[in-house]
Amino acid sequence: MHTGWKVVPEAVDAPLALALLREYTDEMASRYYGRPATRAEVDEAIAEDPNDGLHPPAGGFLVARDGPDAVGCAGVRELGPGIAELKRMYVRPGARGRGLGGVLLEEVEEHVTALGYHAIRLDTRSDLVEARGLYAKRGYVEIPAYNTAPYASHWFEKTLRRG
């Protein structure tokens, strides 16, 4: 396991966060279309699904760093009483395959537990096979749809242990 990673809170509207979120959206749109997304398509996707709630006190945005380099991110927001929602989990391509996704997910779970949540939910797509595998490996179980997100095809939840 890599030990140089550090996961720290970042304002979701800070330049670094916005750059990571644009990369994330570009990759998600490109995978969805099966071709590189255009700048207009990425802009439209960002406008359709704003980063609402990914800020304190009820939510947050975390950035994973490898030394000075940002290598991933994840956001959380309040979904309902005691339940947080994971949004925008992303690991840059050059940092994949080294366990960072699991580290980032652990940090998210610690963060939402500290905020008082007892469960975390997320939605994802069928084509995001790696993400679905990570969630299952980390104890997330598939649940019935809890939202009507237009691109979601799988919904997961994990009950969190309180420290």
N, C-alpha and C. Protein backbone atom coordinates (compact mmCIF):
# COMPACT_ATOMS: atom_id res chain seq x y z
N MET A 1 0.84 -1.19 0.00
CA MET A 1 0.00 0.00 0.00
C MET A 1 0.88 1.24 0.00
N HIS A 2 0.47 2.22 -0.70
CA HIS A 2 1.16 3.52 -0.79
C HIS A 2 0.92 4.30 0.48
N THR A 3 1.95 4.91 1.03
CA THR A 3 1.76 5.64 2.29
C THR A 3 1.88 7.14 2.14
N GLY A 4 2.18 7.63 0.95
CA GLY A 4 2.34 9.07 0.76
C GLY A 4 1.05 9.83 0.52
N TRP A 5 -0.08 9.12 0.46
CA TRP A 5 -1.35 9.78 0.20
C TRP A 5 -1.83 10.51 1.43
N LYS A 6 -2.41 11.66 1.18
CA LYS A 6 -3.04 12.42 2.25
C LYS A 6 -4.37 12.90 1.69
N VAL A 7 -5.42 12.72 2.48
CA VAL A 7 -6.76 13.14 2.06
C VAL A 7 -7.18 14.30 2.95
N VAL A 8 -7.47 15.44 2.31
CA VAL A 8 -7.77 16.66 3.06
C VAL A 8 -9.02 17.34 2.52
N PRO A 9 -9.75 18.03 3.39
CA PRO A 9 -10.92 18.79 2.94
C PRO A 9 -10.48 19.94 2.01
N GLU A 10 -11.33 20.25 1.06
CA GLU A 10 -11.09 21.34 0.11
C GLU A 10 -12.44 21.96 -0.20
N ALA A 11 -12.49 23.24 -0.38
CA ALA A 11 -13.75 23.89 -0.78
C ALA A 11 -14.12 23.39 -2.17
N VAL A 12 -15.38 22.99 -2.35
CA VAL A 12 -15.82 22.43 -3.62
C VAL A 12 -15.77 23.45 -4.75
N ASP A 13 -15.74 24.74 -4.41
CA ASP A 13 -15.66 25.76 -5.45
C ASP A 13 -14.25 26.33 -5.62
N ALA A 14 -13.26 25.72 -4.97
CA ALA A 14 -11.86 26.14 -5.14
C ALA A 14 -11.37 25.69 -6.51
N PRO A 15 -10.39 26.40 -7.08
CA PRO A 15 -9.90 26.04 -8.43
C PRO A 15 -9.47 24.58 -8.57
N LEU A 16 -8.78 24.04 -7.58
CA LEU A 16 -8.34 22.64 -7.66
C LEU A 16 -9.55 21.70 -7.69
N ALA A 17 -10.52 21.92 -6.83
CA ALA A 17 -11.71 21.09 -6.80
C ALA A 17 -12.46 21.18 -8.13
N LEU A 18 -12.61 22.38 -8.64
CA LEU A 18 -13.32 22.55 -9.92
C LEU A 18 -12.59 21.84 -11.06
N ALA A 19 -11.27 21.87 -11.05
CA ALA A 19 -10.50 21.17 -12.09
C ALA A 19 -10.70 19.65 -12.00
N LEU A 20 -10.65 19.11 -10.78
CA LEU A 20 -10.88 17.68 -10.59
C LEU A 20 -12.30 17.30 -11.01
N LEU A 21 -13.27 18.11 -10.64
CA LEU A 21 -14.66 17.82 -10.99
C LEU A 21 -14.89 17.89 -12.50
N ARG A 22 -14.19 18.76 -13.17
CA ARG A 22 -14.31 18.84 -14.63
C ARG A 22 -13.71 17.58 -15.26
N GLU A 23 -12.55 17.14 -14.76
CA GLU A 23 -11.95 15.89 -15.26
C GLU A 23 -12.90 14.72 -15.05
N TYR A 24 -13.46 14.64 -13.84
CA TYR A 24 -14.41 13.58 -13.51
C TYR A 24 -15.58 13.59 -14.50
N THR A 25 -16.18 14.76 -14.68
CA THR A 25 -17.35 14.88 -15.56
C THR A 25 -16.98 14.54 -17.00
N ASP A 26 -15.82 14.97 -17.45
CA ASP A 26 -15.34 14.66 -18.79
C ASP A 26 -15.23 13.14 -18.97
N GLU A 27 -14.63 12.48 -18.00
CA GLU A 27 -14.49 11.03 -18.12
C GLU A 27 -15.85 10.33 -18.09
N MET A 28 -16.73 10.76 -17.18
CA MET A 28 -18.05 10.11 -17.10
C MET A 28 -18.84 10.31 -18.40
N ALA A 29 -18.81 11.53 -18.95
CA ALA A 29 -19.52 11.80 -20.20
C ALA A 29 -18.90 11.02 -21.35
N SER A 30 -17.59 10.98 -21.41
CA SER A 30 -16.91 10.26 -22.49
C SER A 30 -17.21 8.77 -22.43
N ARG A 31 -17.22 8.20 -21.24
CA ARG A 31 -17.55 6.78 -21.10
C ARG A 31 -19.00 6.54 -21.51
N TYR A 32 -19.88 7.45 -21.13
CA TYR A 32 -21.29 7.31 -21.47
C TYR A 32 -21.50 7.36 -22.98
N TYR A 33 -20.86 8.31 -23.65
CA TYR A 33 -21.02 8.46 -25.10
C TYR A 33 -20.20 7.46 -25.90
N GLY A 34 -19.21 6.84 -25.27
CA GLY A 34 -18.34 5.91 -25.99
C GLY A 34 -17.37 6.62 -26.92
N ARG A 35 -17.12 7.89 -26.63
CA ARG A 35 -16.20 8.71 -27.42
C ARG A 35 -15.83 9.91 -26.56
N PRO A 36 -14.79 10.64 -26.93
CA PRO A 36 -14.46 11.83 -26.15
C PRO A 36 -15.62 12.83 -26.14
N ALA A 37 -15.99 13.28 -24.98
CA ALA A 37 -17.06 14.28 -24.85
C ALA A 37 -16.55 15.63 -25.33
N THR A 38 -17.45 16.40 -25.90
CA THR A 38 -17.07 17.76 -26.30
C THR A 38 -17.09 18.67 -25.08
N ARG A 39 -16.47 19.81 -25.21
CA ARG A 39 -16.47 20.78 -24.12
C ARG A 39 -17.92 21.18 -23.77
N ALA A 40 -18.75 21.36 -24.79
CA ALA A 40 -20.16 21.73 -24.57
C ALA A 40 -20.90 20.63 -23.82
N GLU A 41 -20.63 19.37 -24.15
CA GLU A 41 -21.29 18.26 -23.44
C GLU A 41 -20.87 18.21 -21.98
N VAL A 42 -19.58 18.47 -21.70
CA VAL A 42 -19.10 18.49 -20.32
C VAL A 42 -19.74 19.65 -19.58
N ASP A 43 -19.80 20.82 -20.22
CA ASP A 43 -20.44 21.98 -19.58
C ASP A 43 -21.91 21.69 -19.27
N GLU A 44 -22.60 21.04 -20.19
CA GLU A 44 -24.01 20.71 -20.00
C GLU A 44 -24.19 19.72 -18.85
N ALA A 45 -23.32 18.72 -18.77
CA ALA A 45 -23.40 17.73 -17.70
C ALA A 45 -23.17 18.38 -16.33
N ILE A 46 -22.24 19.31 -16.27
CA ILE A 46 -21.96 20.02 -15.01
C ILE A 46 -23.18 20.85 -14.61
N ALA A 47 -23.79 21.52 -15.58
CA ALA A 47 -24.96 22.35 -15.29
C ALA A 47 -26.16 21.50 -14.87
N GLU A 48 -26.31 20.29 -15.44
CA GLU A 48 -27.44 19.42 -15.12
C GLU A 48 -27.37 18.86 -13.71
N ASP A 49 -26.16 18.70 -13.18
CA ASP A 49 -25.99 18.04 -11.89
C ASP A 49 -25.01 18.85 -11.04
N PRO A 50 -25.47 19.97 -10.48
CA PRO A 50 -24.57 20.85 -9.72
C PRO A 50 -24.05 20.19 -8.45
N ASN A 51 -23.04 20.78 -7.87
CA ASN A 51 -22.38 20.24 -6.69
C ASN A 51 -23.07 20.70 -5.40
N ASP A 52 -24.37 20.78 -5.41
CA ASP A 52 -25.13 21.23 -4.26
C ASP A 52 -24.86 20.36 -3.04
N GLY A 53 -24.66 21.00 -1.91
CA GLY A 53 -24.53 20.30 -0.64
C GLY A 53 -23.16 19.75 -0.33
N LEU A 54 -22.19 19.87 -1.23
CA LEU A 54 -20.87 19.30 -0.99
C LEU A 54 -19.97 20.28 -0.22
N HIS A 55 -20.52 20.84 0.84
CA HIS A 55 -19.76 21.80 1.64
C HIS A 55 -20.24 21.72 3.09
N PRO A 56 -19.39 22.14 4.02
CA PRO A 56 -19.77 22.11 5.44
C PRO A 56 -20.96 23.03 5.68
N PRO A 57 -21.73 22.81 6.70
CA PRO A 57 -21.44 21.87 7.79
C PRO A 57 -22.02 20.47 7.57
N ALA A 58 -22.96 20.29 6.65
CA ALA A 58 -23.62 18.98 6.51
C ALA A 58 -22.93 18.07 5.50
N GLY A 59 -22.02 18.62 4.71
CA GLY A 59 -21.33 17.83 3.69
C GLY A 59 -19.88 18.24 3.61
N GLY A 60 -19.24 17.86 2.52
CA GLY A 60 -17.85 18.23 2.34
C GLY A 60 -17.29 17.69 1.05
N PHE A 61 -16.09 18.13 0.75
CA PHE A 61 -15.38 17.69 -0.44
C PHE A 61 -13.96 17.38 -0.02
N LEU A 62 -13.49 16.18 -0.35
CA LEU A 62 -12.16 15.73 0.04
C LEU A 62 -11.29 15.55 -1.20
N VAL A 63 -10.03 15.94 -1.08
CA VAL A 63 -9.07 15.78 -2.16
C VAL A 63 -7.94 14.89 -1.67
N ALA A 64 -7.61 13.88 -2.47
CA ALA A 64 -6.49 13.00 -2.18
C ALA A 64 -5.26 13.55 -2.88
N ARG A 65 -4.16 13.60 -2.12
CA ARG A 65 -2.90 14.11 -2.66
C ARG A 65 -1.82 13.06 -2.54
N ASP A 66 -0.95 13.05 -3.52
CA ASP A 66 0.27 12.24 -3.50
C ASP A 66 1.40 13.26 -3.54
N GLY A 67 1.89 13.62 -2.35
CA GLY A 67 2.82 14.74 -2.28
C GLY A 67 2.06 16.00 -2.67
N PRO A 68 2.62 16.79 -3.59
CA PRO A 68 1.94 18.02 -3.98
C PRO A 68 0.83 17.81 -5.02
N ASP A 69 0.75 16.62 -5.59
CA ASP A 69 -0.19 16.37 -6.69
C ASP A 69 -1.55 15.89 -6.20
N ALA A 70 -2.60 16.49 -6.72
CA ALA A 70 -3.96 16.02 -6.46
C ALA A 70 -4.20 14.80 -7.34
N VAL A 71 -4.63 13.69 -6.73
CA VAL A 71 -4.80 12.44 -7.48
C VAL A 71 -6.22 11.87 -7.39
N GLY A 72 -7.09 12.51 -6.61
CA GLY A 72 -8.45 12.01 -6.52
C GLY A 72 -9.31 12.92 -5.67
N CYS A 73 -10.61 12.61 -5.65
CA CYS A 73 -11.53 13.42 -4.86
C CYS A 73 -12.80 12.64 -4.59
N ALA A 74 -13.57 13.16 -3.64
CA ALA A 74 -14.89 12.61 -3.34
C ALA A 74 -15.66 13.67 -2.57
N GLY A 75 -16.95 13.74 -2.84
CA GLY A 75 -17.81 14.66 -2.13
C GLY A 75 -18.88 13.91 -1.36
N VAL A 76 -19.36 14.54 -0.31
CA VAL A 76 -20.46 13.98 0.46
C VAL A 76 -21.44 15.09 0.78
N ARG A 77 -22.70 14.70 0.86
CA ARG A 77 -23.74 15.66 1.23
C ARG A 77 -24.81 14.93 2.03
N GLU A 78 -25.63 15.70 2.70
CA GLU A 78 -26.72 15.12 3.46
C GLU A 78 -27.80 14.65 2.50
N LEU A 79 -28.25 13.42 2.71
CA LEU A 79 -29.32 12.88 1.90
C LEU A 79 -30.64 12.90 2.68
N GLY A 80 -30.54 12.60 3.95
CA GLY A 80 -31.70 12.58 4.83
C GLY A 80 -31.22 12.47 6.25
N PRO A 81 -32.11 12.41 7.21
CA PRO A 81 -31.67 12.32 8.60
C PRO A 81 -30.76 11.11 8.83
N GLY A 82 -29.52 11.38 9.23
CA GLY A 82 -28.57 10.33 9.53
C GLY A 82 -27.95 9.65 8.32
N ILE A 83 -28.29 10.10 7.11
CA ILE A 83 -27.80 9.43 5.90
C ILE A 83 -27.08 10.44 5.01
N ALA A 84 -25.84 10.09 4.67
CA ALA A 84 -25.03 10.90 3.75
C ALA A 84 -25.06 10.25 2.37
N GLU A 85 -24.73 11.04 1.37
CA GLU A 85 -24.63 10.53 0.00
C GLU A 85 -23.24 10.82 -0.54
N LEU A 86 -22.61 9.80 -1.11
CA LEU A 86 -21.32 9.93 -1.76
C LEU A 86 -21.53 10.41 -3.19
N LYS A 87 -20.80 11.46 -3.56
CA LYS A 87 -20.90 12.03 -4.91
C LYS A 87 -19.49 12.28 -5.45
N ARG A 88 -19.32 12.15 -6.74
CA ARG A 88 -18.11 12.58 -7.43
C ARG A 88 -16.82 11.90 -6.96
N MET A 89 -16.90 10.61 -6.65
CA MET A 89 -15.66 9.92 -6.29
C MET A 89 -14.88 9.68 -7.57
N TYR A 90 -13.62 10.10 -7.54
CA TYR A 90 -12.80 10.07 -8.75
C TYR A 90 -11.34 9.88 -8.38
N VAL A 91 -10.68 8.98 -9.10
CA VAL A 91 -9.24 8.80 -8.99
C VAL A 91 -8.67 9.04 -10.38
N ARG A 92 -7.69 9.94 -10.46
CA ARG A 92 -7.08 10.23 -11.75
C ARG A 92 -6.47 8.96 -12.35
N PRO A 93 -6.53 8.81 -13.68
CA PRO A 93 -6.04 7.58 -14.31
C PRO A 93 -4.63 7.15 -13.89
N GLY A 94 -3.72 8.09 -13.75
CA GLY A 94 -2.35 7.74 -13.40
C GLY A 94 -2.19 7.21 -11.99
N ALA A 95 -3.21 7.36 -11.15
CA ALA A 95 -3.14 6.90 -9.76
C ALA A 95 -3.97 5.65 -9.52
N ARG A 96 -4.59 5.13 -10.55
CA ARG A 96 -5.46 3.97 -10.39
C ARG A 96 -4.66 2.67 -10.24
N GLY A 97 -5.32 1.70 -9.63
CA GLY A 97 -4.71 0.38 -9.50
C GLY A 97 -3.74 0.24 -8.34
N ARG A 98 -3.68 1.25 -7.47
CA ARG A 98 -2.73 1.21 -6.34
C ARG A 98 -3.44 1.28 -4.99
N GLY A 99 -4.76 1.13 -4.97
CA GLY A 99 -5.49 1.11 -3.71
C GLY A 99 -6.01 2.45 -3.24
N LEU A 100 -5.81 3.49 -4.02
CA LEU A 100 -6.25 4.82 -3.59
C LEU A 100 -7.77 4.90 -3.44
N GLY A 101 -8.51 4.23 -4.30
CA GLY A 101 -9.97 4.26 -4.19
C GLY A 101 -10.44 3.79 -2.82
N GLY A 102 -9.84 2.71 -2.34
CA GLY A 102 -10.20 2.20 -1.01
C GLY A 102 -9.82 3.16 0.10
N VAL A 103 -8.64 3.77 -0.03
CA VAL A 103 -8.20 4.75 0.97
C VAL A 103 -9.15 5.95 0.98
N LEU A 104 -9.50 6.44 -0.19
CA LEU A 104 -10.39 7.57 -0.30
C LEU A 104 -11.77 7.24 0.28
N LEU A 105 -12.25 6.05 0.00
CA LEU A 105 -13.55 5.63 0.53
C LEU A 105 -13.51 5.54 2.06
N GLU A 106 -12.43 5.02 2.62
CA GLU A 106 -12.29 4.97 4.09
C GLU A 106 -12.31 6.37 4.69
N GLU A 107 -11.62 7.30 4.06
CA GLU A 107 -11.59 8.68 4.55
C GLU A 107 -12.97 9.32 4.48
N VAL A 108 -13.70 9.04 3.42
CA VAL A 108 -15.07 9.55 3.29
C VAL A 108 -15.93 9.00 4.43
N GLU A 109 -15.81 7.71 4.69
CA GLU A 109 -16.62 7.10 5.75
C GLU A 109 -16.28 7.70 7.12
N GLU A 110 -15.00 7.93 7.37
CA GLU A 110 -14.61 8.57 8.63
C GLU A 110 -15.17 9.99 8.71
N HIS A 111 -15.12 10.69 7.61
CA HIS A 111 -15.61 12.07 7.56
C HIS A 111 -17.11 12.13 7.86
N VAL A 112 -17.89 11.28 7.20
CA VAL A 112 -19.34 11.34 7.42
C VAL A 112 -19.72 10.82 8.80
N THR A 113 -18.97 9.87 9.34
CA THR A 113 -19.22 9.41 10.69
C THR A 113 -18.99 10.56 11.67
N ALA A 114 -17.91 11.31 11.46
CA ALA A 114 -17.61 12.46 12.33
C ALA A 114 -18.71 13.53 12.22
N LEU A 115 -19.38 13.60 11.07
CA LEU A 115 -20.48 14.55 10.90
C LEU A 115 -21.78 14.04 11.53
N GLY A 116 -21.77 12.79 12.03
CA GLY A 116 -22.94 12.25 12.71
C GLY A 116 -23.83 11.34 11.88
N TYR A 117 -23.41 11.02 10.67
CA TYR A 117 -24.21 10.12 9.83
C TYR A 117 -23.99 8.67 10.24
N HIS A 118 -25.01 7.84 10.10
CA HIS A 118 -24.89 6.42 10.43
C HIS A 118 -24.92 5.52 9.20
N ALA A 119 -25.18 6.12 8.04
CA ALA A 119 -25.20 5.34 6.80
C ALA A 119 -24.80 6.25 5.64
N ILE A 120 -24.30 5.62 4.59
CA ILE A 120 -23.93 6.36 3.38
C ILE A 120 -24.50 5.62 2.19
N ARG A 121 -25.03 6.37 1.25
CA ARG A 121 -25.60 5.82 0.02
C ARG A 121 -24.90 6.43 -1.18
N LEU A 122 -25.07 5.77 -2.31
CA LEU A 122 -24.54 6.30 -3.57
C LEU A 122 -25.30 5.67 -4.72
N ASP A 123 -25.24 6.34 -5.85
CA ASP A 123 -25.74 5.74 -7.09
C ASP A 123 -24.60 5.70 -8.08
N THR A 124 -24.68 4.75 -9.00
CA THR A 124 -23.64 4.62 -10.02
C THR A 124 -24.25 3.99 -11.27
N ARG A 125 -23.43 3.87 -12.28
CA ARG A 125 -23.89 3.35 -13.57
C ARG A 125 -23.36 1.94 -13.80
N SER A 126 -24.01 1.21 -14.69
CA SER A 126 -23.59 -0.15 -15.03
C SER A 126 -22.20 -0.21 -15.64
N ASP A 127 -21.83 0.81 -16.42
CA ASP A 127 -20.53 0.77 -17.09
C ASP A 127 -19.36 1.06 -16.16
N LEU A 128 -19.63 1.52 -14.95
CA LEU A 128 -18.56 1.81 -13.99
C LEU A 128 -18.28 0.56 -13.16
N VAL A 129 -17.83 -0.47 -13.84
CA VAL A 129 -17.62 -1.79 -13.26
C VAL A 129 -16.61 -1.74 -12.11
N GLU A 130 -15.52 -1.00 -12.29
CA GLU A 130 -14.48 -0.93 -11.26
C GLU A 130 -15.04 -0.31 -9.98
N ALA A 131 -15.82 0.74 -10.12
CA ALA A 131 -16.40 1.40 -8.96
C ALA A 131 -17.37 0.46 -8.24
N ARG A 132 -18.21 -0.21 -8.99
CA ARG A 132 -19.16 -1.14 -8.36
C ARG A 132 -18.43 -2.25 -7.63
N GLY A 133 -17.33 -2.74 -8.19
CA GLY A 133 -16.53 -3.76 -7.52
C GLY A 133 -15.92 -3.25 -6.23
N LEU A 134 -15.43 -2.02 -6.25
CA LEU A 134 -14.84 -1.42 -5.05
C LEU A 134 -15.90 -1.28 -3.96
N TYR A 135 -17.07 -0.78 -4.30
CA TYR A 135 -18.11 -0.59 -3.31
C TYR A 135 -18.51 -1.93 -2.68
N ALA A 136 -18.69 -2.95 -3.50
CA ALA A 136 -19.07 -4.27 -2.98
C ALA A 136 -17.97 -4.82 -2.06
N LYS A 137 -16.73 -4.68 -2.47
CA LYS A 137 -15.59 -5.17 -1.67
C LYS A 137 -15.53 -4.46 -0.32
N ARG A 138 -15.96 -3.21 -0.27
CA ARG A 138 -15.89 -2.41 0.96
C ARG A 138 -17.16 -2.46 1.79
N GLY A 139 -18.04 -3.41 1.51
CA GLY A 139 -19.20 -3.61 2.36
C GLY A 139 -20.47 -2.87 1.98
N TYR A 140 -20.48 -2.26 0.81
CA TYR A 140 -21.70 -1.60 0.33
C TYR A 140 -22.59 -2.67 -0.29
N VAL A 141 -23.89 -2.57 -0.01
CA VAL A 141 -24.83 -3.54 -0.56
C VAL A 141 -25.80 -2.81 -1.50
N GLU A 142 -26.19 -3.52 -2.55
CA GLU A 142 -27.15 -2.92 -3.48
C GLU A 142 -28.51 -2.81 -2.80
N ILE A 143 -29.15 -1.68 -3.04
CA ILE A 143 -30.47 -1.40 -2.48
C ILE A 143 -31.39 -0.94 -3.60
N PRO A 144 -32.70 -0.89 -3.35
CA PRO A 144 -33.61 -0.34 -4.35
C PRO A 144 -33.27 1.13 -4.64
N ALA A 145 -33.67 1.60 -5.78
CA ALA A 145 -33.41 2.99 -6.17
C ALA A 145 -33.94 3.95 -5.11
N TYR A 146 -33.11 4.89 -4.69
CA TYR A 146 -33.54 5.91 -3.73
C TYR A 146 -33.66 7.28 -4.39
N ASN A 147 -33.37 7.34 -5.68
CA ASN A 147 -33.52 8.59 -6.42
C ASN A 147 -33.89 8.27 -7.86
N THR A 148 -34.10 9.31 -8.63
CA THR A 148 -34.43 9.13 -10.04
C THR A 148 -33.35 9.74 -10.92
N ALA A 149 -32.10 9.66 -10.47
CA ALA A 149 -30.99 10.20 -11.25
C ALA A 149 -31.02 9.59 -12.65
N PRO A 150 -30.91 10.43 -13.69
CA PRO A 150 -31.13 9.93 -15.05
C PRO A 150 -30.13 8.88 -15.53
N TYR A 151 -28.92 8.87 -15.01
CA TYR A 151 -27.91 7.93 -15.49
C TYR A 151 -27.64 6.79 -14.52
N ALA A 152 -28.27 6.82 -13.36
CA ALA A 152 -28.03 5.79 -12.34
C ALA A 152 -28.73 4.48 -12.71
N SER A 153 -28.03 3.38 -12.46
CA SER A 153 -28.62 2.07 -12.68
C SER A 153 -28.34 1.12 -11.51
N HIS A 154 -27.53 1.56 -10.56
CA HIS A 154 -27.24 0.78 -9.35
C HIS A 154 -27.19 1.74 -8.17
N TRP A 155 -27.75 1.28 -7.05
CA TRP A 155 -27.77 2.08 -5.83
C TRP A 155 -27.20 1.23 -4.70
N PHE A 156 -26.36 1.84 -3.87
CA PHE A 156 -25.68 1.12 -2.80
C PHE A 156 -25.85 1.86 -1.47
N GLU A 157 -25.71 1.09 -0.39
CA GLU A 157 -25.73 1.68 0.95
C GLU A 157 -24.79 0.89 1.85
N LYS A 158 -24.21 1.60 2.81
CA LYS A 158 -23.39 0.96 3.84
C LYS A 158 -23.75 1.59 5.18
N THR A 159 -23.97 0.72 6.16
CA THR A 159 -24.16 1.19 7.53
C THR A 159 -22.79 1.39 8.14
N LEU A 160 -22.58 2.53 8.75
CA LEU A 160 -21.27 2.89 9.29
C LEU A 160 -21.18 2.58 10.78
N ARG A 161 -20.01 2.16 11.19
CA ARG A 161 -19.76 1.91 12.60
C ARG A 161 -19.44 3.23 13.27
N ARG A 162 -19.97 3.40 14.44
CA ARG A 162 -19.64 4.61 15.20
C ARG A 162 -18.48 4.31 16.10
N GLY A 163 -17.53 5.29 16.11
CA GLY A 163 -16.28 5.13 16.83
C GLY A 163 -16.41 5.09 18.28
